[in-house]
Amino acid sequence: MLIKFEEISRDIDTLPEEAQILLLDFIQLLKKRYPQAESENHSQKKSLYEKFDEIGLIGSCSLKENLSTTYKEALFNTLNPKYDHR
């Protein structure tokens, strides 16, 4: 079934205010009855950090805490021995 949100929106706009309030109440009732739909939307809004942490990529390697300031030294010390044979 194809949901036509624009058509639904126009239909809602034509309803009297009392009917629109009832519709909002009904939507709240549906959200309580089907909470998984809301939690699915929340999972789509997770940050990249949360997604990486969830699949185990956060903390998957061991590095110095101050890597942001010592990355050149870390790369030199790691890559030189690895590719020194060239």
C-alpha atoms as a PDB file:
ATOM      1  CA  MET A   1       0.000   0.000   0.000  1.00  0.00           C
ATOM      2  CA  LEU A   2       1.415   3.355  -1.049  1.00  0.00           C
ATOM      3  CA  ILE A   3       0.958   6.017   1.614  1.00  0.00           C
ATOM      4  CA  LYS A   4       0.331   9.439   0.142  1.00  0.00           C
ATOM      5  CA  PHE A   5       1.492  11.767   2.895  1.00  0.00           C
ATOM      6  CA  GLU A   6       0.710  14.931   0.940  1.00  0.00           C
ATOM      7  CA  GLU A   7      -2.878  13.806   0.425  1.00  0.00           C
ATOM      8  CA  ILE A   8      -3.196  12.863   4.104  1.00  0.00           C
ATOM      9  CA  SER A   9      -1.818  16.252   5.106  1.00  0.00           C
ATOM     10  CA  ARG A  10      -4.346  18.056   2.891  1.00  0.00           C
ATOM     11  CA  ASP A  11      -7.167  15.947   4.353  1.00  0.00           C
ATOM     12  CA  ILE A  12      -6.077  16.793   7.898  1.00  0.00           C
ATOM     13  CA  ASP A  13      -5.963  20.496   7.052  1.00  0.00           C
ATOM     14  CA  THR A  14      -9.608  20.359   5.960  1.00  0.00           C
ATOM     15  CA  LEU A  15     -10.751  18.870   9.285  1.00  0.00           C
ATOM     16  CA  PRO A  16     -12.137  21.081  12.037  1.00  0.00           C
ATOM     17  CA  GLU A  17      -9.762  21.834  14.927  1.00  0.00           C
ATOM     18  CA  GLU A  18     -11.578  19.430  17.263  1.00  0.00           C
ATOM     19  CA  ALA A  19     -11.095  16.569  14.780  1.00  0.00           C
ATOM     20  CA  GLN A  20      -7.406  17.448  14.381  1.00  0.00           C
ATOM     21  CA  ILE A  21      -6.969  17.271  18.170  1.00  0.00           C
ATOM     22  CA  LEU A  22      -8.690  13.863  18.210  1.00  0.00           C
ATOM     23  CA  LEU A  23      -6.365  12.721  15.462  1.00  0.00           C
ATOM     24  CA  LEU A  24      -3.314  13.796  17.488  1.00  0.00           C
ATOM     25  CA  ASP A  25      -4.668  11.883  20.480  1.00  0.00           C
ATOM     26  CA  PHE A  26      -5.144   8.822  18.296  1.00  0.00           C
ATOM     27  CA  ILE A  27      -1.567   9.089  17.026  1.00  0.00           C
ATOM     28  CA  GLN A  28      -0.293   9.211  20.628  1.00  0.00           C
ATOM     29  CA  LEU A  29      -2.350   6.099  21.404  1.00  0.00           C
ATOM     30  CA  LEU A  30      -0.847   4.282  18.413  1.00  0.00           C
ATOM     31  CA  LYS A  31       2.680   5.259  19.484  1.00  0.00           C
ATOM     32  CA  LYS A  32       2.022   3.720  22.905  1.00  0.00           C
ATOM     33  CA  ARG A  33       0.576   0.579  21.376  1.00  0.00           C
ATOM     34  CA  TYR A  34       3.432   0.108  18.892  1.00  0.00           C
ATOM     35  CA  PRO A  35       6.546   1.273  20.762  1.00  0.00           C
ATOM     36  CA  GLN A  36       8.934  -0.746  18.577  1.00  0.00           C
ATOM     37  CA  ALA A  37       8.243   1.570  15.655  1.00  0.00           C
ATOM     38  CA  GLU A  38       9.510   4.482  17.732  1.00  0.00           C
ATOM     39  CA  SER A  39      12.556   2.543  18.951  1.00  0.00           C
ATOM     40  CA  GLU A  40      13.363   1.595  15.328  1.00  0.00           C
ATOM     41  CA  ASN A  41      13.348   5.291  14.455  1.00  0.00           C
ATOM     42  CA  HIS A  42      15.651   5.937  17.416  1.00  0.00           C
ATOM     43  CA  SER A  43      18.110   3.313  16.183  1.00  0.00           C
ATOM     44  CA  GLN A  44      18.270   5.126  12.863  1.00  0.00           C
ATOM     45  CA  LYS A  45      19.173   8.329  14.727  1.00  0.00           C
ATOM     46  CA  LYS A  46      22.164   6.806  16.544  1.00  0.00           C
ATOM     47  CA  SER A  47      25.427   8.647  16.260  1.00  0.00           C
ATOM     48  CA  LEU A  48      28.297   7.142  14.353  1.00  0.00           C
ATOM     49  CA  TYR A  49      30.085   6.545  17.655  1.00  0.00           C
ATOM     50  CA  GLU A  50      27.054   4.635  19.017  1.00  0.00           C
ATOM     51  CA  LYS A  51      26.870   2.494  15.877  1.00  0.00           C
ATOM     52  CA  PHE A  52      30.610   1.709  15.966  1.00  0.00           C
ATOM     53  CA  ASP A  53      30.447   0.940  19.683  1.00  0.00           C
ATOM     54  CA  GLU A  54      27.478  -1.364  19.114  1.00  0.00           C
ATOM     55  CA  ILE A  55      29.348  -3.485  16.557  1.00  0.00           C
ATOM     56  CA  GLY A  56      32.556  -3.530  18.589  1.00  0.00           C
ATOM     57  CA  LEU A  57      34.758  -1.141  16.638  1.00  0.00           C
ATOM     58  CA  ILE A  58      35.275   1.258  19.529  1.00  0.00           C
ATOM     59  CA  GLY A  59      38.279   0.093  21.505  1.00  0.00           C
ATOM     60  CA  SER A  60      39.247  -2.464  18.873  1.00  0.00           C
ATOM     61  CA  CYS A  61      42.870  -1.346  18.882  1.00  0.00           C
ATOM     62  CA  SER A  62      45.275  -0.189  21.539  1.00  0.00           C
ATOM     63  CA  LEU A  63      46.976   3.177  21.069  1.00  0.00           C
ATOM     64  CA  LYS A  64      48.344   5.921  23.228  1.00  0.00           C
ATOM     65  CA  GLU A  65      45.717   8.283  24.590  1.00  0.00           C
ATOM     66  CA  ASN A  66      47.455  11.340  23.162  1.00  0.00           C
ATOM     67  CA  LEU A  67      47.526  10.009  19.602  1.00  0.00           C
ATOM     68  CA  SER A  68      46.025  13.215  18.252  1.00  0.00           C
ATOM     69  CA  THR A  69      49.258  15.018  19.079  1.00  0.00           C
ATOM     70  CA  THR A  70      51.734  12.169  18.535  1.00  0.00           C
ATOM     71  CA  TYR A  71      50.301  10.543  15.419  1.00  0.00           C
ATOM     72  CA  LYS A  72      53.345  11.374  13.252  1.00  0.00           C
ATOM     73  CA  GLU A  73      55.670   9.652  15.694  1.00  0.00           C
ATOM     74  CA  ALA A  74      53.299   6.677  15.954  1.00  0.00           C
ATOM     75  CA  LEU A  75      53.120   6.331  12.164  1.00  0.00           C
ATOM     76  CA  PHE A  76      56.904   6.634  11.827  1.00  0.00           C
ATOM     77  CA  ASN A  77      57.534   4.011  14.502  1.00  0.00           C
ATOM     78  CA  THR A  78      54.926   1.647  13.072  1.00  0.00           C
ATOM     79  CA  LEU A  79      55.403   2.037   9.345  1.00  0.00           C
ATOM     80  CA  ASN A  80      59.190   2.283   9.184  1.00  0.00           C
ATOM     81  CA  PRO A  81      59.836  -1.239  10.513  1.00  0.00           C
ATOM     82  CA  LYS A  82      56.953  -2.616   8.477  1.00  0.00           C
ATOM     83  CA  TYR A  83      58.074  -1.160   5.131  1.00  0.00           C
ATOM     84  CA  ASP A  84      61.803  -0.744   5.772  1.00  0.00           C
ATOM     85  CA  HIS A  85      62.658  -3.536   3.320  1.00  0.00           C
ATOM     86  CA  ARG A  86      62.001  -1.328   0.260  1.00  0.00           C
END
